[in-house]
PDB file of N, CA and C in Angstrom:
ATOM      1  N   MET A   1     218.413  41.400 108.584  1.00  0.00           N
ATOM      2  CA  MET A   1     218.813  40.438 107.583  1.00  0.00           C
ATOM      3  C   MET A   1     218.073  40.701 106.278  1.00  0.00           C
ATOM      4  N   HIS A   2     216.776  41.006 106.392  1.00  0.00           N
ATOM      5  CA  HIS A   2     215.977  41.269 105.198  1.00  0.00           C
ATOM      6  C   HIS A   2     216.565  42.432 104.398  1.00  0.00           C
ATOM      7  N   SER A   3     216.964  43.483 105.093  1.00  0.00           N
ATOM      8  CA  SER A   3     217.564  44.642 104.419  1.00  0.00           C
ATOM      9  C   SER A   3     218.882  44.269 103.755  1.00  0.00           C
ATOM     10  N   ALA A   4     219.670  43.436 104.414  1.00  0.00           N
ATOM     11  CA  ALA A   4     220.948  43.007 103.836  1.00  0.00           C
ATOM     12  C   ALA A   4     220.723  42.201 102.569  1.00  0.00           C
ATOM     13  N   ILE A   5     219.743  41.300 102.598  1.00  0.00           N
ATOM     14  CA  ILE A   5     219.435  40.501 101.408  1.00  0.00           C
ATOM     15  C   ILE A   5     218.989  41.406 100.269  1.00  0.00           C
ATOM     16  N   ASN A   6     218.131  42.376 100.577  1.00  0.00           N
ATOM     17  CA  ASN A   6     217.665  43.299  99.537  1.00  0.00           C
ATOM     18  C   ASN A   6     218.786  44.174  98.999  1.00  0.00           C
ATOM     19  N   SER A   7     219.765  44.480  99.821  1.00  0.00           N
ATOM     20  CA  SER A   7     220.877  45.337  99.411  1.00  0.00           C
ATOM     21  C   SER A   7     222.002  44.571  98.725  1.00  0.00           C
ATOM     22  N   ALA A   8     221.942  43.249  98.736  1.00  0.00           N
ATOM     23  CA  ALA A   8     223.056  42.433  98.251  1.00  0.00           C
ATOM     24  C   ALA A   8     223.070  42.247  96.735  1.00  0.00           C
ATOM     25  N   ASP A   9     222.063  42.732  96.043  1.00  0.00           N
ATOM     26  CA  ASP A   9     222.000  42.613  94.582  1.00  0.00           C
ATOM     27  C   ASP A   9     222.109  41.154  94.132  1.00  0.00           C
ATOM     28  N   LEU A  10     221.300  40.300  94.770  1.00  0.00           N
ATOM     29  CA  LEU A  10     221.299  38.878  94.421  1.00  0.00           C
ATOM     30  C   LEU A  10     220.551  38.661  93.117  1.00  0.00           C
ATOM     31  N   THR A  11     220.957  37.643  92.391  1.00  0.00           N
ATOM     32  CA  THR A  11     220.197  37.258  91.208  1.00  0.00           C
ATOM     33  C   THR A  11     218.907  36.595  91.661  1.00  0.00           C
ATOM     34  N   GLU A  12     217.993  36.418  90.736  1.00  0.00           N
ATOM     35  CA  GLU A  12     216.727  35.759  91.066  1.00  0.00           C
ATOM     36  C   GLU A  12     216.971  34.343  91.586  1.00  0.00           C
ATOM     37  N   ARG A  13     217.890  33.612  90.964  1.00  0.00           N
ATOM     38  CA  ARG A  13     218.183  32.234  91.377  1.00  0.00           C
ATOM     39  C   ARG A  13     218.859  32.193  92.744  1.00  0.00           C
ATOM     40  N   GLN A  14     219.752  33.130  93.025  1.00  0.00           N
ATOM     41  CA  GLN A  14     220.392  33.190  94.336  1.00  0.00           C
ATOM     42  C   GLN A  14     219.353  33.473  95.419  1.00  0.00           C
ATOM     43  N   THR A  15     218.455  34.405  95.142  1.00  0.00           N
ATOM     44  CA  THR A  15     217.393  34.733  96.092  1.00  0.00           C
ATOM     45  C   THR A  15     216.497  33.526  96.329  1.00  0.00           C
ATOM     46  N   GLU A  16     216.136  32.836  95.260  1.00  0.00           N
ATOM     47  CA  GLU A  16     215.281  31.663  95.381  1.00  0.00           C
ATOM     48  C   GLU A  16     215.962  30.563  96.202  1.00  0.00           C
ATOM     49  N   ALA A  17     217.239  30.336  95.936  1.00  0.00           N
ATOM     50  CA  ALA A  17     217.987  29.308  96.677  1.00  0.00           C
ATOM     51  C   ALA A  17     218.034  29.635  98.169  1.00  0.00           C
ATOM     52  N   ILE A  18     218.325  30.877  98.497  1.00  0.00           N
ATOM     53  CA  ILE A  18     218.362  31.315  99.897  1.00  0.00           C
ATOM     54  C   ILE A  18     216.984  31.154 100.537  1.00  0.00           C
ATOM     55  N   ALA A  19     215.942  31.524  99.806  1.00  0.00           N
ATOM     56  CA  ALA A  19     214.580  31.441 100.344  1.00  0.00           C
ATOM     57  C   ALA A  19     214.185  29.999 100.650  1.00  0.00           C
ATOM     58  N   TRP A  20     214.481  29.069  99.738  1.00  0.00           N
ATOM     59  CA  TRP A  20     214.107  27.668  99.963  1.00  0.00           C
ATOM     60  C   TRP A  20     214.901  27.044 101.107  1.00  0.00           C
ATOM     61  N   VAL A  21     216.207  27.279 101.126  1.00  0.00           N
ATOM     62  CA  VAL A  21     217.054  26.596 102.109  1.00  0.00           C
ATOM     63  C   VAL A  21     216.972  27.247 103.485  1.00  0.00           C
ATOM     64  N   TYR A  22     217.038  28.577 103.539  1.00  0.00           N
ATOM     65  CA  TYR A  22     217.046  29.249 104.841  1.00  0.00           C
ATOM     66  C   TYR A  22     215.668  29.756 105.251  1.00  0.00           C
ATOM     67  N   GLY A  23     214.870  30.198 104.283  1.00  0.00           N
ATOM     68  CA  GLY A  23     213.544  30.726 104.611  1.00  0.00           C
ATOM     69  C   GLY A  23     212.529  29.639 104.919  1.00  0.00           C
ATOM     70  N   VAL A  24     212.457  28.640 104.036  1.00  0.00           N
ATOM     71  CA  VAL A  24     211.489  27.553 104.194  1.00  0.00           C
ATOM     72  C   VAL A  24     212.107  26.388 104.947  1.00  0.00           C
ATOM     73  N   ASP A  25     213.436  26.386 105.060  1.00  0.00           N
ATOM     74  CA  ASP A  25     214.179  25.358 105.784  1.00  0.00           C
ATOM     75  C   ASP A  25     214.111  23.992 105.103  1.00  0.00           C
ATOM     76  N   LEU A  26     214.196  24.009 103.763  1.00  0.00           N
ATOM     77  CA  LEU A  26     214.260  22.755 103.016  1.00  0.00           C
ATOM     78  C   LEU A  26     215.697  22.258 102.966  1.00  0.00           C
ATOM     79  N   THR A  27     215.860  20.966 102.754  1.00  0.00           N
ATOM     80  CA  THR A  27     217.206  20.446 102.527  1.00  0.00           C
ATOM     81  C   THR A  27     217.693  20.949 101.169  1.00  0.00           C
ATOM     82  N   GLN A  28     218.987  20.909 100.984  1.00  0.00           N
ATOM     83  CA  GLN A  28     219.538  21.324  99.696  1.00  0.00           C
ATOM     84  C   GLN A  28     219.011  20.448  98.572  1.00  0.00           C
ATOM     85  N   GLU A  29     218.863  19.161  98.834  1.00  0.00           N
ATOM     86  CA  GLU A  29     218.367  18.239  97.819  1.00  0.00           C
ATOM     87  C   GLU A  29     216.954  18.613  97.387  1.00  0.00           C
ATOM     88  N   LYS A  30     216.077  18.891  98.361  1.00  0.00           N
ATOM     89  CA  LYS A  30     214.695  19.244  98.043  1.00  0.00           C
ATOM     90  C   LYS A  30     214.621  20.587  97.321  1.00  0.00           C
ATOM     91  N   ALA A  31     215.392  21.552  97.788  1.00  0.00           N
ATOM     92  CA  ALA A  31     215.395  22.871  97.155  1.00  0.00           C
ATOM     93  C   ALA A  31     215.886  22.774  95.708  1.00  0.00           C
ATOM     94  N   ALA A  32     216.948  22.004  95.489  1.00  0.00           N
ATOM     95  CA  ALA A  32     217.469  21.839  94.130  1.00  0.00           C
ATOM     96  C   ALA A  32     216.428  21.185  93.228  1.00  0.00           C
ATOM     97  N   ALA A  33     215.726  20.185  93.758  1.00  0.00           N
ATOM     98  CA  ALA A  33     214.696  19.503  92.964  1.00  0.00           C
ATOM     99  C   ALA A  33     213.574  20.470  92.588  1.00  0.00           C
ATOM    100  N   ILE A  34     213.134  21.285  93.524  1.00  0.00           N
ATOM    101  CA  ILE A  34     212.081  22.256  93.252  1.00  0.00           C
ATOM    102  C   ILE A  34     212.527  23.253  92.189  1.00  0.00           C
ATOM    103  N   MET A  35     213.791  23.673  92.289  1.00  0.00           N
ATOM    104  CA  MET A  35     214.320  24.659  91.344  1.00  0.00           C
ATOM    105  C   MET A  35     214.701  24.034  90.005  1.00  0.00           C
ATOM    106  N   GLY A  36     214.737  22.704  89.950  1.00  0.00           N
ATOM    107  CA  GLY A  36     215.088  22.023  88.708  1.00  0.00           C
ATOM    108  C   GLY A  36     216.563  22.131  88.361  1.00  0.00           C
ATOM    109  N   ILE A  37     217.410  22.166  89.403  1.00  0.00           N
ATOM    110  CA  ILE A  37     218.855  22.266  89.192  1.00  0.00           C
ATOM    111  C   ILE A  37     219.551  21.193  90.020  1.00  0.00           C
ATOM    112  N   ALA A  38     220.810  20.964  89.735  1.00  0.00           N
ATOM    113  CA  ALA A  38     221.606  20.000  90.497  1.00  0.00           C
ATOM    114  C   ALA A  38     221.998  20.621  91.837  1.00  0.00           C
ATOM    115  N   ARG A  39     222.207  19.773  92.843  1.00  0.00           N
ATOM    116  CA  ARG A  39     222.595  20.247  94.175  1.00  0.00           C
ATOM    117  C   ARG A  39     223.866  21.096  94.135  1.00  0.00           C
ATOM    118  N   PRO A  40     224.913  20.696  93.372  1.00  0.00           N
ATOM    119  CA  PRO A  40     226.108  21.560  93.335  1.00  0.00           C
ATOM    120  C   PRO A  40     225.810  22.966  92.801  1.00  0.00           C
ATOM    121  N   THR A  41     224.883  23.060  91.861  1.00  0.00           N
ATOM    122  CA  THR A  41     224.502  24.372  91.330  1.00  0.00           C
ATOM    123  C   THR A  41     223.790  25.180  92.409  1.00  0.00           C
ATOM    124  N   LEU A  42     222.907  24.527  93.170  1.00  0.00           N
ATOM    125  CA  LEU A  42     222.224  25.187  94.272  1.00  0.00           C
ATOM    126  C   LEU A  42     223.241  25.701  95.292  1.00  0.00           C
ATOM    127  N   ILE A  43     224.191  24.857  95.639  1.00  0.00           N
ATOM    128  CA  ILE A  43     225.224  25.243  96.610  1.00  0.00           C
ATOM    129  C   ILE A  43     226.002  26.456  96.099  1.00  0.00           C
ATOM    130  N   GLU A  44     226.297  26.469  94.820  1.00  0.00           N
ATOM    131  CA  GLU A  44     227.007  27.605  94.218  1.00  0.00           C
ATOM    132  C   GLU A  44     226.182  28.890  94.362  1.00  0.00           C
ATOM    133  N   HIS A  45     224.880  28.806  94.087  1.00  0.00           N
ATOM    134  CA  HIS A  45     223.996  29.975  94.247  1.00  0.00           C
ATOM    135  C   HIS A  45     223.997  30.458  95.701  1.00  0.00           C
ATOM    136  N   ILE A  46     223.894  29.524  96.634  1.00  0.00           N
ATOM    137  CA  ILE A  46     223.849  29.882  98.052  1.00  0.00           C
ATOM    138  C   ILE A  46     225.170  30.509  98.497  1.00  0.00           C
ATOM    139  N   GLU A  47     226.285  29.894  98.124  1.00  0.00           N
ATOM    140  CA  GLU A  47     227.586  30.425  98.544  1.00  0.00           C
ATOM    141  C   GLU A  47     227.827  31.821  97.982  1.00  0.00           C
ATOM    142  N   THR A  48     227.457  32.041  96.734  1.00  0.00           N
ATOM    143  CA  THR A  48     227.624  33.363  96.135  1.00  0.00           C
ATOM    144  C   THR A  48     226.730  34.378  96.831  1.00  0.00           C
ATOM    145  N   ALA A  49     225.491  33.970  97.123  1.00  0.00           N
ATOM    146  CA  ALA A  49     224.562  34.860  97.831  1.00  0.00           C
ATOM    147  C   ALA A  49     225.095  35.191  99.223  1.00  0.00           C
ATOM    148  N   GLU A  50     225.612  34.189  99.920  1.00  0.00           N
ATOM    149  CA  GLU A  50     226.162  34.429 101.261  1.00  0.00           C
ATOM    150  C   GLU A  50     227.324  35.417 101.208  1.00  0.00           C
ATOM    151  N   GLU A  51     228.173  35.296 100.197  1.00  0.00           N
ATOM    152  CA  GLU A  51     229.298  36.229 100.052  1.00  0.00           C
ATOM    153  C   GLU A  51     228.795  37.646  99.820  1.00  0.00           C
ATOM    154  N   LYS A  52     227.779  37.786  98.976  1.00  0.00           N
ATOM    155  CA  LYS A  52     227.222  39.114  98.690  1.00  0.00           C
ATOM    156  C   LYS A  52     226.572  39.712  99.937  1.00  0.00           C
ATOM    157  N   ILE A  53     225.848  38.888 100.686  1.00  0.00           N
ATOM    158  CA  ILE A  53     225.201  39.369 101.913  1.00  0.00           C
ATOM    159  C   ILE A  53     226.258  39.755 102.953  1.00  0.00           C
ATOM    160  N   ALA A  54     227.303  38.954 103.078  1.00  0.00           N
ATOM    161  CA  ALA A  54     228.392  39.275 104.013  1.00  0.00           C
ATOM    162  C   ALA A  54     229.053  40.593 103.626  1.00  0.00           C
ATOM    163  N   GLU A  55     229.199  40.835 102.327  1.00  0.00           N
ATOM    164  CA  GLU A  55     229.792  42.097 101.859  1.00  0.00           C
ATOM    165  C   GLU A  55     228.928  43.281 102.277  1.00  0.00           C
ATOM    166  N   VAL A  56     227.618  43.128 102.240  1.00  0.00           N
ATOM    167  CA  VAL A  56     226.719  44.193 102.689  1.00  0.00           C
ATOM    168  C   VAL A  56     226.979  44.498 104.162  1.00  0.00           C
ATOM    169  N   TYR A  57     227.067  43.472 104.977  1.00  0.00           N
ATOM    170  CA  TYR A  57     227.339  43.679 106.405  1.00  0.00           C
ATOM    171  C   TYR A  57     228.705  44.341 106.620  1.00  0.00           C
ATOM    172  N   ARG A  58     229.692  43.969 105.803  1.00  0.00           N
ATOM    173  CA  ARG A  58     231.012  44.627 105.921  1.00  0.00           C
ATOM    174  C   ARG A  58     230.891  46.112 105.573  1.00  0.00           C
ATOM    175  N   ARG A  59     230.126  46.427 104.539  1.00  0.00           N
ATOM    176  CA  ARG A  59     229.938  47.830 104.163  1.00  0.00           C
ATOM    177  C   ARG A  59     229.232  48.587 105.280  1.00  0.00           C
ATOM    178  N   TRP A  60     228.316  47.923 105.952  1.00  0.00           N
ATOM    179  CA  TRP A  60     227.596  48.546 107.053  1.00  0.00           C
ATOM    180  C   TRP A  60     228.442  48.592 108.317  1.00  0.00           C
ATOM    181  N   ASP A  61     229.627  48.010 108.247  1.00  0.00           N
ATOM    182  CA  ASP A  61     230.569  47.982 109.364  1.00  0.00           C
ATOM    183  C   ASP A  61     229.987  47.306 110.611  1.00  0.00           C
ATOM    184  N   TYR A  62     229.314  46.192 110.390  1.00  0.00           N
ATOM    185  CA  TYR A  62     228.798  45.393 111.496  1.00  0.00           C
ATOM    186  C   TYR A  62     229.884  44.503 112.071  1.00  0.00           C
ATOM    187  N   GLY A  63     231.000  44.422 111.370  1.00  0.00           N
ATOM    188  CA  GLY A  63     232.052  43.516 111.806  1.00  0.00           C
ATOM    189  C   GLY A  63     231.688  42.086 111.447  1.00  0.00           C
ATOM    190  N   ASP A  64     232.454  41.159 111.948  1.00  0.00           N
ATOM    191  CA  ASP A  64     232.178  39.753 111.675  1.00  0.00           C
ATOM    192  C   ASP A  64     230.928  39.317 112.418  1.00  0.00           C
ATOM    193  N   ILE A  65     230.151  38.502 111.729  1.00  0.00           N
ATOM    194  CA  ILE A  65     228.939  37.958 112.338  1.00  0.00           C
ATOM    195  C   ILE A  65     229.187  36.492 112.617  1.00  0.00           C
ATOM    196  N   GLU A  66     228.980  36.101 113.836  1.00  0.00           N
ATOM    197  CA  GLU A  66     229.182  34.714 114.221  1.00  0.00           C
ATOM    198  C   GLU A  66     227.848  34.105 114.602  1.00  0.00           C
ATOM    199  N   VAL A  67     227.684  32.857 114.251  1.00  0.00           N
ATOM    200  CA  VAL A  67     226.472  32.132 114.598  1.00  0.00           C
ATOM    201  C   VAL A  67     226.868  30.982 115.505  1.00  0.00           C
ATOM    202  N   GLU A  68     226.239  30.928 116.653  1.00  0.00           N
ATOM    203  CA  GLU A  68     226.481  29.820 117.568  1.00  0.00           C
ATOM    204  C   GLU A  68     225.288  28.881 117.497  1.00  0.00           C
ATOM    205  N   TYR A  69     225.563  27.603 117.608  1.00  0.00           N
ATOM    206  CA  TYR A  69     224.495  26.620 117.573  1.00  0.00           C
ATOM    207  C   TYR A  69     224.864  25.466 118.479  1.00  0.00           C
ATOM    208  N   ASP A  70     223.842  24.769 118.913  1.00  0.00           N
ATOM    209  CA  ASP A  70     224.010  23.612 119.762  1.00  0.00           C
ATOM    210  C   ASP A  70     223.918  22.379 118.872  1.00  0.00           C
ATOM    211  N   ALA A  71     225.064  21.803 118.524  1.00  0.00           N
ATOM    212  CA  ALA A  71     225.092  20.658 117.609  1.00  0.00           C
ATOM    213  C   ALA A  71     224.326  19.475 118.174  1.00  0.00           C
ATOM    214  N   SER A  72     224.329  19.307 119.477  1.00  0.00           N
ATOM    215  CA  SER A  72     223.616  18.170 120.067  1.00  0.00           C
ATOM    216  C   SER A  72     222.112  18.296 119.858  1.00  0.00           C
ATOM    217  N   ALA A  73     221.608  19.508 119.724  1.00  0.00           N
ATOM    218  CA  ALA A  73     220.185  19.714 119.453  1.00  0.00           C
ATOM    219  C   ALA A  73     219.891  19.640 117.959  1.00  0.00           C
ATOM    220  N   LEU A  74     220.866  20.016 117.132  1.00  0.00           N
ATOM    221  CA  LEU A  74     220.664  20.055 115.687  1.00  0.00           C
ATOM    222  C   LEU A  74     220.748  18.684 115.037  1.00  0.00           C
ATOM    223  N   ILE A  75     221.732  17.894 115.391  1.00  0.00           N
ATOM    224  CA  ILE A  75     221.982  16.614 114.717  1.00  0.00           C
ATOM    225  C   ILE A  75     220.772  15.681 114.737  1.00  0.00           C
ATOM    226  N   PRO A  76     220.045  15.559 115.848  1.00  0.00           N
ATOM    227  CA  PRO A  76     218.874  14.660 115.821  1.00  0.00           C
ATOM    228  C   PRO A  76     217.803  15.068 114.809  1.00  0.00           C
ATOM    229  N   LEU A  77     217.809  16.333 114.369  1.00  0.00           N
ATOM    230  CA  LEU A  77     216.822  16.803 113.406  1.00  0.00           C
ATOM    231  C   LEU A  77     217.195  16.455 111.967  1.00  0.00           C
ATOM    232  N   LEU A  78     218.429  16.020 111.764  1.00  0.00           N
ATOM    233  CA  LEU A  78     218.926  15.737 110.427  1.00  0.00           C
ATOM    234  C   LEU A  78     218.756  14.268 110.090  1.00  0.00           C
ATOM    235  N   ASN A  79     218.615  13.977 108.787  1.00  0.00           N
ATOM    236  CA  ASN A  79     218.607  12.571 108.388  1.00  0.00           C
ATOM    237  C   ASN A  79     220.051  12.077 108.363  1.00  0.00           C
ATOM    238  N   GLU A  80     220.251  10.794 108.075  1.00  0.00           N
ATOM    239  CA  GLU A  80     221.600  10.208 108.151  1.00  0.00           C
ATOM    240  C   GLU A  80     222.581  10.917 107.221  1.00  0.00           C
ATOM    241  N   GLN A  81     222.167  11.201 105.996  1.00  0.00           N
ATOM    242  CA  GLN A  81     223.063  11.848 105.037  1.00  0.00           C
ATOM    243  C   GLN A  81     223.398  13.265 105.503  1.00  0.00           C
ATOM    244  N   GLU A  82     222.389  14.009 105.967  1.00  0.00           N
ATOM    245  CA  GLU A  82     222.628  15.369 106.445  1.00  0.00           C
ATOM    246  C   GLU A  82     223.520  15.374 107.677  1.00  0.00           C
ATOM    247  N   SER A  83     223.333  14.398 108.566  1.00  0.00           N
ATOM    248  CA  SER A  83     224.168  14.303 109.763  1.00  0.00           C
ATOM    249  C   SER A  83     225.625  14.062 109.402  1.00  0.00           C
ATOM    250  N   ALA A  84     225.848  13.135 108.486  1.00  0.00           N
ATOM    251  CA  ALA A  84     227.214  12.835 108.056  1.00  0.00           C
ATOM    252  C   ALA A  84     227.851  14.056 107.398  1.00  0.00           C
ATOM    253  N   GLU A  85     227.078  14.774 106.582  1.00  0.00           N
ATOM    254  CA  GLU A  85     227.594  15.980 105.918  1.00  0.00           C
ATOM    255  C   GLU A  85     227.905  17.063 106.948  1.00  0.00           C
ATOM    256  N   PHE A  86     227.030  17.240 107.927  1.00  0.00           N
ATOM    257  CA  PHE A  86     227.249  18.218 108.988  1.00  0.00           C
ATOM    258  C   PHE A  86     228.544  17.918 109.734  1.00  0.00           C
ATOM    259  N   LEU A  87     228.714  16.672 110.130  1.00  0.00           N
ATOM    260  CA  LEU A  87     229.912  16.287 110.874  1.00  0.00           C
ATOM    261  C   LEU A  87     231.167  16.465 110.030  1.00  0.00           C
ATOM    262  N   ARG A  88     231.073  16.154 108.730  1.00  0.00           N
ATOM    263  CA  ARG A  88     232.224  16.309 107.846  1.00  0.00           C
ATOM    264  C   ARG A  88     232.617  17.778 107.729  1.00  0.00           C
ATOM    265  N   ILE A  89     231.647  18.639 107.499  1.00  0.00           N
ATOM    266  CA  ILE A  89     231.934  20.055 107.272  1.00  0.00           C
ATOM    267  C   ILE A  89     232.345  20.769 108.558  1.00  0.00           C
ATOM    268  N   HIS A  90     231.587  20.567 109.621  1.00  0.00           N
ATOM    269  CA  HIS A  90     231.783  21.362 110.830  1.00  0.00           C
ATOM    270  C   HIS A  90     232.723  20.748 111.855  1.00  0.00           C
ATOM    271  N   LYS A  91     232.922  19.469 111.787  1.00  0.00           N
ATOM    272  CA  LYS A  91     233.755  18.817 112.790  1.00  0.00           C
ATOM    273  C   LYS A  91     234.942  18.072 112.186  1.00  0.00           C
ATOM    274  N   GLY A  92     235.018  17.997 110.845  1.00  0.00           N
ATOM    275  CA  GLY A  92     236.117  17.297 110.198  1.00  0.00           C
ATOM    276  C   GLY A  92     236.052  15.795 110.372  1.00  0.00           C
ATOM    277  N   ILE A  93     234.849  15.260 110.640  1.00  0.00           N
ATOM    278  CA  ILE A  93     234.680  13.828 110.863  1.00  0.00           C
ATOM    279  C   ILE A  93     234.100  13.193 109.612  1.00  0.00           C
ATOM    280  N   GLU A  94     234.750  12.182 109.085  1.00  0.00           N
ATOM    281  CA  GLU A  94     234.251  11.453 107.925  1.00  0.00           C
ATOM    282  C   GLU A  94     233.485  10.234 108.403  1.00  0.00           C
ATOM    283  N   ILE A  95     232.264  10.071 107.923  1.00  0.00           N
ATOM    284  CA  ILE A  95     231.422   8.938 108.278  1.00  0.00           C
ATOM    285  C   ILE A  95     231.277   8.060 107.036  1.00  0.00           C
ATOM    286  N   GLU A  96     231.779   6.844 107.101  1.00  0.00           N
ATOM    287  CA  GLU A  96     231.674   5.935 105.962  1.00  0.00           C
ATOM    288  C   GLU A  96     230.526   4.951 106.132  1.00  0.00           C
ATOM    289  N   ASP A  97     230.285   4.517 107.359  1.00  0.00           N
ATOM    290  CA  ASP A  97     229.198   3.586 107.643  1.00  0.00           C
ATOM    291  C   ASP A  97     227.952   4.388 107.986  1.00  0.00           C
ATOM    292  N   GLU A  98     226.889   3.680 108.316  1.00  0.00           N
ATOM    293  CA  GLU A  98     225.656   4.354 108.707  1.00  0.00           C
ATOM    294  C   GLU A  98     225.901   5.219 109.945  1.00  0.00           C
ATOM    295  N   TYR A  99     225.157   6.289 110.043  1.00  0.00           N
ATOM    296  CA  TYR A  99     225.238   7.185 111.202  1.00  0.00           C
ATOM    297  C   TYR A  99     224.832   6.417 112.458  1.00  0.00           C
ATOM    298  N   THR A 100     225.578   6.615 113.527  1.00  0.00           N
ATOM    299  CA  THR A 100     225.240   5.997 114.802  1.00  0.00           C
ATOM    300  C   THR A 100     225.173   7.066 115.865  1.00  0.00           C
ATOM    301  N   GLU A 101     224.532   6.763 116.953  1.00  0.00           N
ATOM    302  CA  GLU A 101     224.419   7.708 118.054  1.00  0.00           C
ATOM    303  C   GLU A 101     225.790   8.080 118.605  1.00  0.00           C
ATOM    304  N   GLU A 102     226.770   7.167 118.468  1.00  0.00           N
ATOM    305  CA  GLU A 102     228.111   7.451 118.991  1.00  0.00           C
ATOM    306  C   GLU A 102     228.755   8.630 118.303  1.00  0.00           C
ATOM    307  N   CYS A 103     228.357   8.918 117.047  1.00  0.00           N
ATOM    308  CA  CYS A 103     228.937  10.017 116.298  1.00  0.00           C
ATOM    309  C   CYS A 103     228.510  11.365 116.858  1.00  0.00           C
ATOM    310  N   ALA A 104     227.307  11.433 117.395  1.00  0.00           N
ATOM    311  CA  ALA A 104     226.785  12.689 117.920  1.00  0.00           C
ATOM    312  C   ALA A 104     227.472  12.997 119.220  1.00  0.00           C
TER     313      ALA A 104
END
């Protein structure tokens, strides 16, 4: 992964965003605050970086890379807002009220 990141020709801001969110494991909100940018801007940096890194893997002919995760283990680690966002993005579930155990 380190070689792919180095080969992806990321901008300094894209590299920083990836490092805070995936390297240090900060929330997007915290990473954006540290970088002094809005969360949507951070997300844009991350998405662009991910596309560039994926392109490196395609050039290396690694094929598609899939990540499996255990959502039941992940959700308890998230705060209410992160849990709702996770469920919305990955499961298509919209949470309007407070997060409840029934959602997991």
